[in-house]
N, C-alpha and C. Protein backbone atom coordinates (compact mmCIF):
# COMPACT_ATOMS: atom_id res chain seq x y z
N MET A 1 -0.94 -24.31 4.58
CA MET A 1 -0.36 -23.43 4.63
C MET A 1 1.19 -23.28 4.53
N THR A 2 1.70 -22.55 4.79
CA THR A 2 3.10 -22.49 4.51
C THR A 2 3.64 -21.21 5.34
N THR A 3 4.93 -22.07 6.37
CA THR A 3 5.16 -21.64 7.44
C THR A 3 6.44 -20.83 7.52
N LEU A 4 6.50 -19.11 7.90
CA LEU A 4 6.89 -18.45 7.92
C LEU A 4 8.17 -18.37 8.67
N TYR A 5 9.17 -18.09 9.02
CA TYR A 5 10.44 -17.75 10.00
C TYR A 5 11.09 -16.53 9.60
N VAL A 6 10.56 -15.67 10.44
CA VAL A 6 11.49 -14.27 10.16
C VAL A 6 12.64 -14.05 11.29
N ARG A 7 13.81 -13.54 10.40
CA ARG A 7 14.61 -13.95 11.49
C ARG A 7 15.37 -11.98 11.71
N ASP A 8 16.40 -11.81 12.47
CA ASP A 8 16.26 -10.62 12.46
C ASP A 8 15.69 -9.68 12.80
N VAL A 9 14.58 -10.04 13.29
CA VAL A 9 13.74 -8.24 13.73
C VAL A 9 13.80 -8.06 14.83
N PRO A 10 14.33 -6.75 14.92
CA PRO A 10 14.60 -5.58 15.67
C PRO A 10 13.68 -5.90 16.99
N PRO A 11 14.24 -6.23 18.23
CA PRO A 11 13.21 -6.30 19.15
C PRO A 11 12.49 -5.04 19.42
N GLU A 12 12.40 -3.70 19.41
CA GLU A 12 11.30 -3.11 19.23
C GLU A 12 10.01 -2.61 18.21
N VAL A 13 10.47 -4.13 17.13
CA VAL A 13 9.25 -3.98 15.95
C VAL A 13 8.24 -4.92 16.72
N THR A 14 9.29 -6.34 17.45
CA THR A 14 8.63 -7.58 17.67
C THR A 14 7.51 -6.80 18.70
N ARG A 15 8.34 -5.96 19.87
CA ARG A 15 7.37 -5.42 21.34
C ARG A 15 6.13 -4.24 20.24
N THR A 16 6.05 -4.26 19.50
CA THR A 16 4.96 -3.17 18.50
C THR A 16 4.23 -3.95 18.16
N LEU A 17 4.33 -5.32 17.45
CA LEU A 17 3.56 -6.12 16.69
C LEU A 17 2.62 -6.95 17.94
N LYS A 18 3.59 -7.42 18.95
CA LYS A 18 2.82 -8.13 20.32
C LYS A 18 1.62 -6.93 20.50
N GLU A 19 2.42 -5.63 20.81
CA GLU A 19 1.06 -4.86 21.35
C GLU A 19 -0.01 -4.24 20.61
N ARG A 20 -0.29 -4.33 19.14
CA ARG A 20 -0.96 -4.37 17.80
C ARG A 20 -2.19 -5.96 17.98
N ALA A 21 -1.19 -6.53 18.25
CA ALA A 21 -2.09 -8.16 18.22
C ALA A 21 -2.98 -8.22 19.55
N ALA A 22 -2.08 -7.82 20.56
CA ALA A 22 -3.20 -7.85 21.78
C ALA A 22 -4.18 -7.03 21.80
N ALA A 23 -3.88 -5.85 20.95
CA ALA A 23 -5.33 -4.82 21.47
C ALA A 23 -5.97 -5.10 20.29
N GLU A 24 -6.28 -5.93 19.50
CA GLU A 24 -6.51 -6.43 18.69
C GLU A 24 -7.25 -8.01 18.94
N GLY A 25 -7.00 -8.51 20.08
CA GLY A 25 -7.40 -9.78 20.38
C GLY A 25 -6.86 -11.19 19.77
N LYS A 26 -5.76 -10.33 19.30
CA LYS A 26 -4.74 -11.73 18.38
C LYS A 26 -3.89 -11.86 19.05
N SER A 27 -3.10 -13.32 18.28
CA SER A 27 -2.06 -13.66 18.42
C SER A 27 -1.01 -12.97 17.82
N LEU A 28 0.19 -12.76 18.38
CA LEU A 28 1.08 -12.24 17.15
C LEU A 28 1.38 -12.87 15.67
N SER A 29 1.36 -14.40 16.03
CA SER A 29 0.78 -15.05 14.58
C SER A 29 0.69 -15.11 13.93
N SER A 30 -1.42 -14.57 14.39
CA SER A 30 -2.24 -14.34 13.49
C SER A 30 -2.46 -13.30 13.09
N TYR A 31 -1.78 -12.23 13.78
CA TYR A 31 -1.89 -10.82 13.34
C TYR A 31 -0.57 -10.47 12.78
N VAL A 32 0.45 -11.02 12.66
CA VAL A 32 1.19 -10.77 11.37
C VAL A 32 0.87 -11.53 10.01
N ALA A 33 0.26 -12.47 10.33
CA ALA A 33 -0.54 -13.45 9.01
C ALA A 33 -1.47 -12.43 8.42
N ALA A 34 -2.16 -11.51 9.35
CA ALA A 34 -3.10 -11.03 8.85
C ALA A 34 -2.77 -9.83 8.10
N GLU A 35 -1.54 -8.72 8.33
CA GLU A 35 -0.82 -8.18 8.15
C GLU A 35 0.01 -8.25 6.62
N LEU A 36 0.62 -9.52 6.57
CA LEU A 36 1.38 -9.74 4.96
C LEU A 36 0.15 -9.96 4.11
N THR A 37 -0.99 -10.26 4.40
CA THR A 37 -1.93 -10.67 3.70
C THR A 37 -2.25 -9.44 2.79
N ARG A 38 -2.44 -8.72 3.79
CA ARG A 38 -3.25 -6.86 3.04
C ARG A 38 -1.98 -6.84 2.60
N LEU A 39 -0.50 -6.69 3.12
CA LEU A 39 0.58 -6.26 2.84
C LEU A 39 0.45 -6.79 1.06
N ALA A 40 0.27 -8.21 1.00
CA ALA A 40 0.65 -8.70 -0.37
C ALA A 40 -0.78 -8.83 -0.89
N SER A 41 -1.78 -8.32 -1.22
CA SER A 41 -3.16 -7.75 -1.85
C SER A 41 -2.50 -6.62 -2.38
N ARG A 42 -1.88 -5.77 -1.80
CA ARG A 42 -1.74 -5.01 -2.70
C ARG A 42 -0.60 -4.62 -3.86
N PRO A 43 -1.55 -3.30 -5.01
CA PRO A 43 -0.75 -3.69 -6.24
C PRO A 43 0.63 -3.23 -5.98
N THR A 44 1.72 -3.95 -6.61
CA THR A 44 2.60 -3.25 -6.67
C THR A 44 2.83 -1.24 -7.42
N ASN A 45 4.02 -0.38 -6.93
CA ASN A 45 3.99 0.59 -7.90
C ASN A 45 3.90 0.27 -9.53
N ALA A 46 4.35 -0.68 -10.15
CA ALA A 46 4.52 -1.13 -11.32
C ALA A 46 3.71 -1.71 -11.75
N GLU A 47 2.49 -2.73 -11.29
CA GLU A 47 1.57 -3.00 -11.47
C GLU A 47 0.04 -1.90 -11.43
N ILE A 48 0.58 -0.33 -10.68
CA ILE A 48 -0.41 0.55 -10.47
C ILE A 48 0.23 1.37 -12.56
N VAL A 49 1.32 1.69 -12.44
CA VAL A 49 1.96 2.41 -13.27
C VAL A 49 1.49 1.67 -14.76
N GLU A 50 1.52 0.04 -14.63
CA GLU A 50 0.54 -0.54 -15.85
C GLU A 50 -0.93 -0.34 -16.14
N ARG A 51 -1.45 -0.24 -15.36
CA ARG A 51 -3.08 -0.11 -15.16
C ARG A 51 -3.29 1.32 -15.68
N LEU A 52 -2.85 2.10 -14.93
CA LEU A 52 -3.12 3.54 -15.54
C LEU A 52 -2.83 3.78 -17.41
N ARG A 53 -1.59 2.90 -17.52
CA ARG A 53 -1.33 3.32 -18.72
C ARG A 53 -2.34 2.20 -20.16
N GLN A 54 -3.50 1.57 -19.21
CA GLN A 54 -4.59 0.98 -19.86
C GLN A 54 -5.25 1.49 -20.10
N LEU A 55 -5.45 2.53 -19.40
CA LEU A 55 -6.69 3.26 -19.27
C LEU A 55 -6.77 4.36 -20.25
N ASP A 56 -7.79 4.46 -21.24
CA ASP A 56 -8.60 5.30 -21.91
C ASP A 56 -8.62 6.67 -21.74
N SER A 57 -7.76 7.33 -21.68
CA SER A 57 -7.65 8.82 -21.39
C SER A 57 -7.65 10.09 -22.85
N SER A 58 -8.54 9.12 -23.82
CA SER A 58 -9.23 10.09 -24.83
C SER A 58 -9.74 11.05 -24.74
N GLU A 59 -10.79 10.97 -23.37
CA GLU A 59 -11.78 11.52 -23.34
C GLU A 59 -11.67 12.92 -22.12
N GLY A 60 -10.78 12.47 -21.94
CA GLY A 60 -10.23 13.58 -20.21
C GLY A 60 -9.17 14.96 -20.86
N PRO A 61 -9.11 15.83 -19.76
CA PRO A 61 -8.14 17.15 -20.40
C PRO A 61 -6.96 16.55 -20.97
N THR A 62 -6.39 17.49 -21.47
CA THR A 62 -5.59 17.22 -22.22
C THR A 62 -3.66 18.12 -20.74
N SER A 63 -2.85 17.52 -21.64
CA SER A 63 -2.13 18.17 -21.04
C SER A 63 -1.80 20.19 -20.77
N THR A 64 -2.52 20.33 -22.37
CA THR A 64 -2.11 21.61 -22.06
C THR A 64 -3.24 22.29 -21.18
N ASP A 65 -4.65 21.58 -21.22
CA ASP A 65 -5.57 21.87 -20.16
C ASP A 65 -5.67 21.98 -18.93
N ILE A 66 -4.87 21.08 -18.02
CA ILE A 66 -4.56 20.98 -17.32
C ILE A 66 -3.56 22.04 -16.57
N VAL A 67 -2.12 22.31 -17.67
CA VAL A 67 -1.26 23.78 -17.12
C VAL A 67 -1.78 24.97 -17.38
N GLU A 68 -2.67 24.97 -18.68
CA GLU A 68 -3.27 26.20 -18.23
C GLU A 68 -4.53 26.52 -16.55
N ALA A 69 -4.77 25.45 -16.26
CA ALA A 69 -6.12 25.38 -15.04
C ALA A 69 -5.12 26.02 -13.96
N LEU A 70 -3.86 24.99 -13.86
CA LEU A 70 -2.77 25.48 -13.11
C LEU A 70 -2.78 26.85 -12.73
N GLU A 71 -2.75 27.51 -14.41
CA GLU A 71 -1.84 28.51 -14.14
C GLU A 71 -2.54 29.89 -13.66
N GLN A 72 -4.27 29.36 -14.19
CA GLN A 72 -5.39 30.04 -13.92
C GLN A 72 -5.31 30.34 -12.53
N SER A 73 -5.16 29.05 -12.02
CA SER A 73 -6.01 29.05 -10.59
C SER A 73 -4.72 30.09 -9.44
N ARG A 74 -3.37 29.70 -9.93
CA ARG A 74 -2.19 30.69 -9.52
C ARG A 74 -2.26 32.23 -9.75
N ARG A 75 -2.94 32.65 -10.55
CA ARG A 75 -3.54 34.38 -10.60
C ARG A 75 -4.30 35.01 -9.58
C-alpha cells in the first residue's frame, strides 16, 4: 500500500475528520483511507457523460415528447 501525506489541512477539517472517525470507532488514518477509497470509486462527470452517450435511446421518448409533456403539466 502507498502512504500519502496531506499537507495544509485546515484545523477545522482535521477536527471534523477526527470526530467522524471516533464516531465510527476508527482511527483517523483508517477513516480517511476509507473515504478516499469511496471517493475514488465514484465515476467522474466525464465518465458519466460518456456512459450516457453510449446508451441506446432509440426506444425512449423524443425531445419533442418531453417538451410537450412538460408544457401540458404546466397548464
